[in-house]
Amino acid sequence: MALSSPARLCCHSSMRVLLQNTETRLYYAGPDRWTKHALDAMDFEYVEHAARMYEIEDLAYAQIVLDPGLPGIARLPIRVAKHVEAQE
């Protein structure tokens, strides 16, 4: 049975998890490296990994972006709040 176009696109797409600077719109490509092309950005594979790098690199002006990698489908930004530890 042949799959319809939407089903075929769904099953062969690869969601990428990226970090993007909210001011410059550049994507994180590695330590001290940023790129304007999402395809050249580092794929964290999991939101948790991107959030951890967000904290490690202290990226105050960054957001996690889910990139479906399909033409015509928008990227989905996810805002990340800085973790503040309670002081005793």
PDB file of N, CA and C in Angstrom:
ATOM      1  N   MET A   1       0.846  -1.171   0.000  1.00  0.00           N
ATOM      2  CA  MET A   1       0.000   0.000   0.000  1.00  0.00           C
ATOM      3  C   MET A   1       0.895   1.239   0.000  1.00  0.00           C
ATOM      4  N   ALA A   2       0.637   2.161  -0.904  1.00  0.00           N
ATOM      5  CA  ALA A   2       1.425   3.393  -0.992  1.00  0.00           C
ATOM      6  C   ALA A   2       0.944   4.395   0.048  1.00  0.00           C
ATOM      7  N   LEU A   3       1.901   5.093   0.644  1.00  0.00           N
ATOM      8  CA  LEU A   3       1.564   6.113   1.639  1.00  0.00           C
ATOM      9  C   LEU A   3       1.254   7.428   0.949  1.00  0.00           C
ATOM     10  N   SER A   4       0.322   8.162   1.497  1.00  0.00           N
ATOM     11  CA  SER A   4       0.027   9.491   0.955  1.00  0.00           C
ATOM     12  C   SER A   4       1.199  10.421   1.272  1.00  0.00           C
ATOM     13  N   SER A   5       1.290  11.541   0.578  1.00  0.00           N
ATOM     14  CA  SER A   5       2.400  12.481   0.771  1.00  0.00           C
ATOM     15  C   SER A   5       2.560  12.923   2.220  1.00  0.00           C
ATOM     16  N   PRO A   6       1.476  13.376   2.914  1.00  0.00           N
ATOM     17  CA  PRO A   6       1.654  13.798   4.314  1.00  0.00           C
ATOM     18  C   PRO A   6       2.181  12.682   5.209  1.00  0.00           C
ATOM     19  N   ALA A   7       1.703  11.463   5.016  1.00  0.00           N
ATOM     20  CA  ALA A   7       2.180  10.349   5.843  1.00  0.00           C
ATOM     21  C   ALA A   7       3.648  10.069   5.548  1.00  0.00           C
ATOM     22  N   ARG A   8       4.024  10.124   4.282  1.00  0.00           N
ATOM     23  CA  ARG A   8       5.407   9.864   3.906  1.00  0.00           C
ATOM     24  C   ARG A   8       6.319  10.928   4.510  1.00  0.00           C
ATOM     25  N   LEU A   9       5.899  12.195   4.470  1.00  0.00           N
ATOM     26  CA  LEU A   9       6.685  13.269   5.067  1.00  0.00           C
ATOM     27  C   LEU A   9       6.809  13.085   6.571  1.00  0.00           C
ATOM     28  N   CYS A  10       5.727  12.694   7.198  1.00  0.00           N
ATOM     29  CA  CYS A  10       5.717  12.509   8.648  1.00  0.00           C
ATOM     30  C   CYS A  10       6.713  11.440   9.073  1.00  0.00           C
ATOM     31  N   CYS A  11       6.696  10.345   8.376  1.00  0.00           N
ATOM     32  CA  CYS A  11       7.504   9.201   8.787  1.00  0.00           C
ATOM     33  C   CYS A  11       8.984   9.350   8.458  1.00  0.00           C
ATOM     34  N   HIS A  12       9.330  10.232   7.544  1.00  0.00           N
ATOM     35  CA  HIS A  12      10.723  10.383   7.145  1.00  0.00           C
ATOM     36  C   HIS A  12      11.348  11.675   7.643  1.00  0.00           C
ATOM     37  N   SER A  13      10.600  12.452   8.388  1.00  0.00           N
ATOM     38  CA  SER A  13      11.167  13.706   8.884  1.00  0.00           C
ATOM     39  C   SER A  13      12.002  13.437  10.135  1.00  0.00           C
ATOM     40  N   SER A  14      12.912  14.337  10.391  1.00  0.00           N
ATOM     41  CA  SER A  14      13.774  14.201  11.550  1.00  0.00           C
ATOM     42  C   SER A  14      13.757  15.512  12.326  1.00  0.00           C
ATOM     43  N   MET A  15      13.101  15.508  13.470  1.00  0.00           N
ATOM     44  CA  MET A  15      13.023  16.703  14.300  1.00  0.00           C
ATOM     45  C   MET A  15      14.391  16.989  14.894  1.00  0.00           C
ATOM     46  N   ARG A  16      14.834  18.243  14.764  1.00  0.00           N
ATOM     47  CA  ARG A  16      16.124  18.654  15.320  1.00  0.00           C
ATOM     48  C   ARG A  16      15.866  19.597  16.483  1.00  0.00           C
ATOM     49  N   VAL A  17      16.709  19.538  17.498  1.00  0.00           N
ATOM     50  CA  VAL A  17      16.613  20.403  18.670  1.00  0.00           C
ATOM     51  C   VAL A  17      17.810  21.341  18.642  1.00  0.00           C
ATOM     52  N   LEU A  18      17.533  22.648  18.498  1.00  0.00           N
ATOM     53  CA  LEU A  18      18.573  23.651  18.315  1.00  0.00           C
ATOM     54  C   LEU A  18      18.500  24.711  19.397  1.00  0.00           C
ATOM     55  N   LEU A  19      19.583  25.468  19.540  1.00  0.00           N
ATOM     56  CA  LEU A  19      19.594  26.674  20.372  1.00  0.00           C
ATOM     57  C   LEU A  19      19.729  27.872  19.436  1.00  0.00           C
ATOM     58  N   GLN A  20      18.929  28.899  19.670  1.00  0.00           N
ATOM     59  CA  GLN A  20      18.968  30.100  18.835  1.00  0.00           C
ATOM     60  C   GLN A  20      19.080  31.342  19.704  1.00  0.00           C
ATOM     61  N   ASN A  21      19.964  32.259  19.321  1.00  0.00           N
ATOM     62  CA  ASN A  21      20.094  33.544  19.997  1.00  0.00           C
ATOM     63  C   ASN A  21      18.879  34.378  19.618  1.00  0.00           C
ATOM     64  N   THR A  22      18.117  34.833  20.606  1.00  0.00           N
ATOM     65  CA  THR A  22      16.880  35.565  20.324  1.00  0.00           C
ATOM     66  C   THR A  22      17.124  36.979  19.820  1.00  0.00           C
ATOM     67  N   GLU A  23      18.318  37.506  20.008  1.00  0.00           N
ATOM     68  CA  GLU A  23      18.624  38.854  19.519  1.00  0.00           C
ATOM     69  C   GLU A  23      19.179  38.829  18.096  1.00  0.00           C
ATOM     70  N   THR A  24      20.137  37.940  17.841  1.00  0.00           N
ATOM     71  CA  THR A  24      20.784  37.898  16.528  1.00  0.00           C
ATOM     72  C   THR A  24      20.105  36.925  15.566  1.00  0.00           C
ATOM     73  N   ARG A  25      19.279  36.004  16.103  1.00  0.00           N
ATOM     74  CA  ARG A  25      18.601  34.945  15.348  1.00  0.00           C
ATOM     75  C   ARG A  25      19.576  33.887  14.829  1.00  0.00           C
ATOM     76  N   LEU A  26      20.835  33.912  15.307  1.00  0.00           N
ATOM     77  CA  LEU A  26      21.825  32.917  14.908  1.00  0.00           C
ATOM     78  C   LEU A  26      21.620  31.638  15.721  1.00  0.00           C
ATOM     79  N   TYR A  27      22.066  30.517  15.169  1.00  0.00           N
ATOM     80  CA  TYR A  27      21.938  29.217  15.821  1.00  0.00           C
ATOM     81  C   TYR A  27      23.278  28.781  16.393  1.00  0.00           C
ATOM     82  N   TYR A  28      23.226  28.106  17.531  1.00  0.00           N
ATOM     83  CA  TYR A  28      24.428  27.615  18.210  1.00  0.00           C
ATOM     84  C   TYR A  28      25.044  26.489  17.384  1.00  0.00           C
ATOM     85  N   ALA A  29      26.341  26.624  17.079  1.00  0.00           N
ATOM     86  CA  ALA A  29      27.050  25.617  16.287  1.00  0.00           C
ATOM     87  C   ALA A  29      28.177  24.966  17.073  1.00  0.00           C
ATOM     88  N   GLY A  30      28.404  25.410  18.303  1.00  0.00           N
ATOM     89  CA  GLY A  30      29.464  24.881  19.141  1.00  0.00           C
ATOM     90  C   GLY A  30      30.020  25.992  20.003  1.00  0.00           C
ATOM     91  N   PRO A  31      30.935  25.678  20.900  1.00  0.00           N
ATOM     92  CA  PRO A  31      31.499  26.698  21.784  1.00  0.00           C
ATOM     93  C   PRO A  31      32.036  27.896  20.987  1.00  0.00           C
ATOM     94  N   ASP A  32      31.512  29.069  21.301  1.00  0.00           N
ATOM     95  CA  ASP A  32      31.906  30.322  20.647  1.00  0.00           C
ATOM     96  C   ASP A  32      31.675  30.323  19.139  1.00  0.00           C
ATOM     97  N   ARG A  33      30.742  29.494  18.646  1.00  0.00           N
ATOM     98  CA  ARG A  33      30.433  29.453  17.214  1.00  0.00           C
ATOM     99  C   ARG A  33      28.930  29.545  17.010  1.00  0.00           C
ATOM    100  N   TRP A  34      28.521  30.436  16.119  1.00  0.00           N
ATOM    101  CA  TRP A  34      27.112  30.629  15.793  1.00  0.00           C
ATOM    102  C   TRP A  34      26.981  30.668  14.273  1.00  0.00           C
ATOM    103  N   THR A  35      25.833  30.257  13.755  1.00  0.00           N
ATOM    104  CA  THR A  35      25.601  30.228  12.320  1.00  0.00           C
ATOM    105  C   THR A  35      24.199  30.745  12.007  1.00  0.00           C
ATOM    106  N   LYS A  36      24.045  31.320  10.822  1.00  0.00           N
ATOM    107  CA  LYS A  36      22.713  31.804  10.435  1.00  0.00           C
ATOM    108  C   LYS A  36      21.874  30.697   9.806  1.00  0.00           C
ATOM    109  N   HIS A  37      22.482  29.549   9.535  1.00  0.00           N
ATOM    110  CA  HIS A  37      21.791  28.435   8.882  1.00  0.00           C
ATOM    111  C   HIS A  37      21.464  27.333   9.886  1.00  0.00           C
ATOM    112  N   ALA A  38      20.186  27.025  10.018  1.00  0.00           N
ATOM    113  CA  ALA A  38      19.757  25.978  10.952  1.00  0.00           C
ATOM    114  C   ALA A  38      20.405  24.625  10.631  1.00  0.00           C
ATOM    115  N   LEU A  39      20.625  24.341   9.364  1.00  0.00           N
ATOM    116  CA  LEU A  39      21.235  23.062   8.985  1.00  0.00           C
ATOM    117  C   LEU A  39      22.672  22.923   9.470  1.00  0.00           C
ATOM    118  N   ASP A  40      23.346  24.054   9.699  1.00  0.00           N
ATOM    119  CA  ASP A  40      24.731  24.026  10.184  1.00  0.00           C
ATOM    120  C   ASP A  40      24.818  24.055  11.706  1.00  0.00           C
ATOM    121  N   ALA A  41      23.677  24.184  12.369  1.00  0.00           N
ATOM    122  CA  ALA A  41      23.645  24.275  13.829  1.00  0.00           C
ATOM    123  C   ALA A  41      23.817  22.900  14.468  1.00  0.00           C
ATOM    124  N   MET A  42      24.253  22.912  15.719  1.00  0.00           N
ATOM    125  CA  MET A  42      24.387  21.679  16.488  1.00  0.00           C
ATOM    126  C   MET A  42      22.996  21.145  16.828  1.00  0.00           C
ATOM    127  N   ASP A  43      22.775  19.874  16.557  1.00  0.00           N
ATOM    128  CA  ASP A  43      21.516  19.213  16.898  1.00  0.00           C
ATOM    129  C   ASP A  43      21.696  18.526  18.242  1.00  0.00           C
ATOM    130  N   PHE A  44      20.955  18.981  19.245  1.00  0.00           N
ATOM    131  CA  PHE A  44      21.082  18.422  20.590  1.00  0.00           C
ATOM    132  C   PHE A  44      20.272  17.135  20.764  1.00  0.00           C
ATOM    133  N   GLU A  45      19.406  16.822  19.831  1.00  0.00           N
ATOM    134  CA  GLU A  45      18.576  15.622  19.806  1.00  0.00           C
ATOM    135  C   GLU A  45      17.482  15.603  20.878  1.00  0.00           C
ATOM    136  N   TYR A  46      17.771  16.091  22.066  1.00  0.00           N
ATOM    137  CA  TYR A  46      16.791  16.119  23.158  1.00  0.00           C
ATOM    138  C   TYR A  46      16.727  17.520  23.749  1.00  0.00           C
ATOM    139  N   VAL A  47      15.538  17.938  24.125  1.00  0.00           N
ATOM    140  CA  VAL A  47      15.351  19.254  24.736  1.00  0.00           C
ATOM    141  C   VAL A  47      16.190  19.372  25.999  1.00  0.00           C
ATOM    142  N   GLU A  48      16.278  18.292  26.768  1.00  0.00           N
ATOM    143  CA  GLU A  48      17.058  18.307  28.006  1.00  0.00           C
ATOM    144  C   GLU A  48      18.530  18.623  27.747  1.00  0.00           C
ATOM    145  N   HIS A  49      19.073  18.088  26.655  1.00  0.00           N
ATOM    146  CA  HIS A  49      20.481  18.349  26.321  1.00  0.00           C
ATOM    147  C   HIS A  49      20.679  19.815  25.942  1.00  0.00           C
ATOM    148  N   ALA A  50      19.750  20.371  25.175  1.00  0.00           N
ATOM    149  CA  ALA A  50      19.833  21.784  24.797  1.00  0.00           C
ATOM    150  C   ALA A  50      19.696  22.667  26.038  1.00  0.00           C
ATOM    151  N   ALA A  51      18.792  22.311  26.940  1.00  0.00           N
ATOM    152  CA  ALA A  51      18.602  23.091  28.169  1.00  0.00           C
ATOM    153  C   ALA A  51      19.853  23.047  29.041  1.00  0.00           C
ATOM    154  N   ARG A  52      20.516  21.905  29.077  1.00  0.00           N
ATOM    155  CA  ARG A  52      21.747  21.781  29.859  1.00  0.00           C
ATOM    156  C   ARG A  52      22.842  22.678  29.270  1.00  0.00           C
ATOM    157  N   MET A  53      22.977  22.697  27.945  1.00  0.00           N
ATOM    158  CA  MET A  53      23.977  23.556  27.300  1.00  0.00           C
ATOM    159  C   MET A  53      23.631  25.030  27.510  1.00  0.00           C
ATOM    160  N   TYR A  54      22.361  25.338  27.492  1.00  0.00           N
ATOM    161  CA  TYR A  54      21.878  26.691  27.770  1.00  0.00           C
ATOM    162  C   TYR A  54      22.403  27.167  29.127  1.00  0.00           C
ATOM    163  N   GLU A  55      22.336  26.288  30.113  1.00  0.00           N
ATOM    164  CA  GLU A  55      22.820  26.614  31.458  1.00  0.00           C
ATOM    165  C   GLU A  55      24.352  26.665  31.513  1.00  0.00           C
ATOM    166  N   ILE A  56      25.011  25.671  30.925  1.00  0.00           N
ATOM    167  CA  ILE A  56      26.478  25.598  30.958  1.00  0.00           C
ATOM    168  C   ILE A  56      27.113  26.817  30.302  1.00  0.00           C
ATOM    169  N   GLU A  57      26.606  27.198  29.127  1.00  0.00           N
ATOM    170  CA  GLU A  57      27.162  28.325  28.375  1.00  0.00           C
ATOM    171  C   GLU A  57      26.628  29.674  28.866  1.00  0.00           C
ATOM    172  N   ASP A  58      25.661  29.645  29.817  1.00  0.00           N
ATOM    173  CA  ASP A  58      25.059  30.864  30.358  1.00  0.00           C
ATOM    174  C   ASP A  58      24.534  31.746  29.231  1.00  0.00           C
ATOM    175  N   LEU A  59      23.691  31.170  28.392  1.00  0.00           N
ATOM    176  CA  LEU A  59      23.145  31.854  27.221  1.00  0.00           C
ATOM    177  C   LEU A  59      21.889  32.640  27.602  1.00  0.00           C
ATOM    178  N   ALA A  60      22.081  33.869  28.032  1.00  0.00           N
ATOM    179  CA  ALA A  60      20.972  34.692  28.512  1.00  0.00           C
ATOM    180  C   ALA A  60      19.963  35.021  27.426  1.00  0.00           C
ATOM    181  N   TYR A  61      20.401  35.118  26.189  1.00  0.00           N
ATOM    182  CA  TYR A  61      19.498  35.516  25.097  1.00  0.00           C
ATOM    183  C   TYR A  61      19.298  34.376  24.112  1.00  0.00           C
ATOM    184  N   ALA A  62      18.980  33.207  24.632  1.00  0.00           N
ATOM    185  CA  ALA A  62      18.798  32.049  23.756  1.00  0.00           C
ATOM    186  C   ALA A  62      17.467  31.371  24.033  1.00  0.00           C
ATOM    187  N   GLN A  63      17.019  30.634  23.040  1.00  0.00           N
ATOM    188  CA  GLN A  63      15.819  29.822  23.185  1.00  0.00           C
ATOM    189  C   GLN A  63      16.077  28.484  22.502  1.00  0.00           C
ATOM    190  N   ILE A  64      15.370  27.473  22.959  1.00  0.00           N
ATOM    191  CA  ILE A  64      15.430  26.172  22.316  1.00  0.00           C
ATOM    192  C   ILE A  64      14.436  26.203  21.168  1.00  0.00           C
ATOM    193  N   VAL A  65      14.842  25.652  20.029  1.00  0.00           N
ATOM    194  CA  VAL A  65      13.983  25.639  18.851  1.00  0.00           C
ATOM    195  C   VAL A  65      13.855  24.205  18.350  1.00  0.00           C
ATOM    196  N   LEU A  66      12.612  23.772  18.145  1.00  0.00           N
ATOM    197  CA  LEU A  66      12.364  22.477  17.520  1.00  0.00           C
ATOM    198  C   LEU A  66      12.222  22.718  16.024  1.00  0.00           C
ATOM    199  N   ASP A  67      13.078  22.100  15.242  1.00  0.00           N
ATOM    200  CA  ASP A  67      13.103  22.284  13.797  1.00  0.00           C
ATOM    201  C   ASP A  67      12.666  20.988  13.123  1.00  0.00           C
ATOM    202  N   PRO A  68      11.478  20.987  12.493  1.00  0.00           N
ATOM    203  CA  PRO A  68      10.996  19.766  11.854  1.00  0.00           C
ATOM    204  C   PRO A  68      11.798  19.373  10.613  1.00  0.00           C
ATOM    205  N   GLY A  69      12.581  20.293  10.080  1.00  0.00           N
ATOM    206  CA  GLY A  69      13.400  19.982   8.919  1.00  0.00           C
ATOM    207  C   GLY A  69      12.617  19.791   7.640  1.00  0.00           C
ATOM    208  N   LEU A  70      11.398  20.299   7.594  1.00  0.00           N
ATOM    209  CA  LEU A  70      10.561  20.180   6.401  1.00  0.00           C
ATOM    210  C   LEU A  70      10.272  21.558   5.821  1.00  0.00           C
ATOM    211  N   PRO A  71      10.364  21.711   4.515  1.00  0.00           N
ATOM    212  CA  PRO A  71      10.054  23.007   3.915  1.00  0.00           C
ATOM    213  C   PRO A  71       8.594  23.387   4.168  1.00  0.00           C
ATOM    214  N   GLY A  72       8.386  24.642   4.492  1.00  0.00           N
ATOM    215  CA  GLY A  72       7.032  25.140   4.720  1.00  0.00           C
ATOM    216  C   GLY A  72       6.494  24.885   6.114  1.00  0.00           C
ATOM    217  N   ILE A  73       7.218  24.171   6.951  1.00  0.00           N
ATOM    218  CA  ILE A  73       6.790  23.903   8.325  1.00  0.00           C
ATOM    219  C   ILE A  73       7.642  24.777   9.250  1.00  0.00           C
ATOM    220  N   ALA A  74       6.962  25.577  10.052  1.00  0.00           N
ATOM    221  CA  ALA A  74       7.664  26.539  10.920  1.00  0.00           C
ATOM    222  C   ALA A  74       8.412  25.840  12.054  1.00  0.00           C
ATOM    223  N   ARG A  75       9.488  26.487  12.473  1.00  0.00           N
ATOM    224  CA  ARG A  75      10.221  26.040  13.656  1.00  0.00           C
ATOM    225  C   ARG A  75       9.449  26.487  14.896  1.00  0.00           C
ATOM    226  N   LEU A  76       9.515  25.706  15.943  1.00  0.00           N
ATOM    227  CA  LEU A  76       8.786  25.991  17.178  1.00  0.00           C
ATOM    228  C   LEU A  76       9.757  26.392  18.273  1.00  0.00           C
ATOM    229  N   PRO A  77       9.730  27.677  18.700  1.00  0.00           N
ATOM    230  CA  PRO A  77      10.618  28.093  19.793  1.00  0.00           C
ATOM    231  C   PRO A  77      10.054  27.673  21.145  1.00  0.00           C
ATOM    232  N   ILE A  78      10.958  27.347  22.060  1.00  0.00           N
ATOM    233  CA  ILE A  78      10.595  26.994  23.433  1.00  0.00           C
ATOM    234  C   ILE A  78      11.390  27.905  24.348  1.00  0.00           C
ATOM    235  N   ARG A  79      10.723  28.725  25.118  1.00  0.00           N
ATOM    236  CA  ARG A  79      11.404  29.619  26.053  1.00  0.00           C
ATOM    237  C   ARG A  79      11.927  28.816  27.241  1.00  0.00           C
ATOM    238  N   VAL A  80      13.106  29.180  27.704  1.00  0.00           N
ATOM    239  CA  VAL A  80      13.725  28.492  28.831  1.00  0.00           C
ATOM    240  C   VAL A  80      13.957  29.506  29.942  1.00  0.00           C
ATOM    241  N   ALA A  81      13.485  29.182  31.135  1.00  0.00           N
ATOM    242  CA  ALA A  81      13.708  30.054  32.289  1.00  0.00           C
ATOM    243  C   ALA A  81      15.008  29.635  32.970  1.00  0.00           C
ATOM    244  N   LYS A  82      15.780  30.611  33.385  1.00  0.00           N
ATOM    245  CA  LYS A  82      17.009  30.320  34.130  1.00  0.00           C
ATOM    246  C   LYS A  82      16.652  29.655  35.444  1.00  0.00           C
ATOM    247  N   HIS A  83      17.391  28.627  35.805  1.00  0.00           N
ATOM    248  CA  HIS A  83      17.191  27.930  37.068  1.00  0.00           C
ATOM    249  C   HIS A  83      17.821  28.773  38.185  1.00  0.00           C
ATOM    250  N   VAL A  84      17.024  29.135  39.154  1.00  0.00           N
ATOM    251  CA  VAL A  84      17.520  29.892  40.288  1.00  0.00           C
ATOM    252  C   VAL A  84      17.414  29.029  41.531  1.00  0.00           C
ATOM    253  N   GLU A  85      18.551  28.773  42.162  1.00  0.00           N
ATOM    254  CA  GLU A  85      18.542  27.933  43.349  1.00  0.00           C
ATOM    255  C   GLU A  85      18.095  28.729  44.559  1.00  0.00           C
ATOM    256  N   ALA A  86      17.317  28.096  45.401  1.00  0.00           N
ATOM    257  CA  ALA A  86      16.839  28.744  46.614  1.00  0.00           C
ATOM    258  C   ALA A  86      18.003  28.960  47.584  1.00  0.00           C
ATOM    259  N   GLN A  87      18.046  30.138  48.171  1.00  0.00           N
ATOM    260  CA  GLN A  87      19.075  30.427  49.146  1.00  0.00           C
ATOM    261  C   GLN A  87      18.509  30.224  50.542  1.00  0.00           C
ATOM    262  N   GLU A  88      19.307  29.629  51.405  1.00  0.00           N
ATOM    263  CA  GLU A  88      18.831  29.375  52.780  1.00  0.00           C
ATOM    264  C   GLU A  88      19.260  30.478  53.699  1.00  0.00           C
TER     265      GLU A  88
END
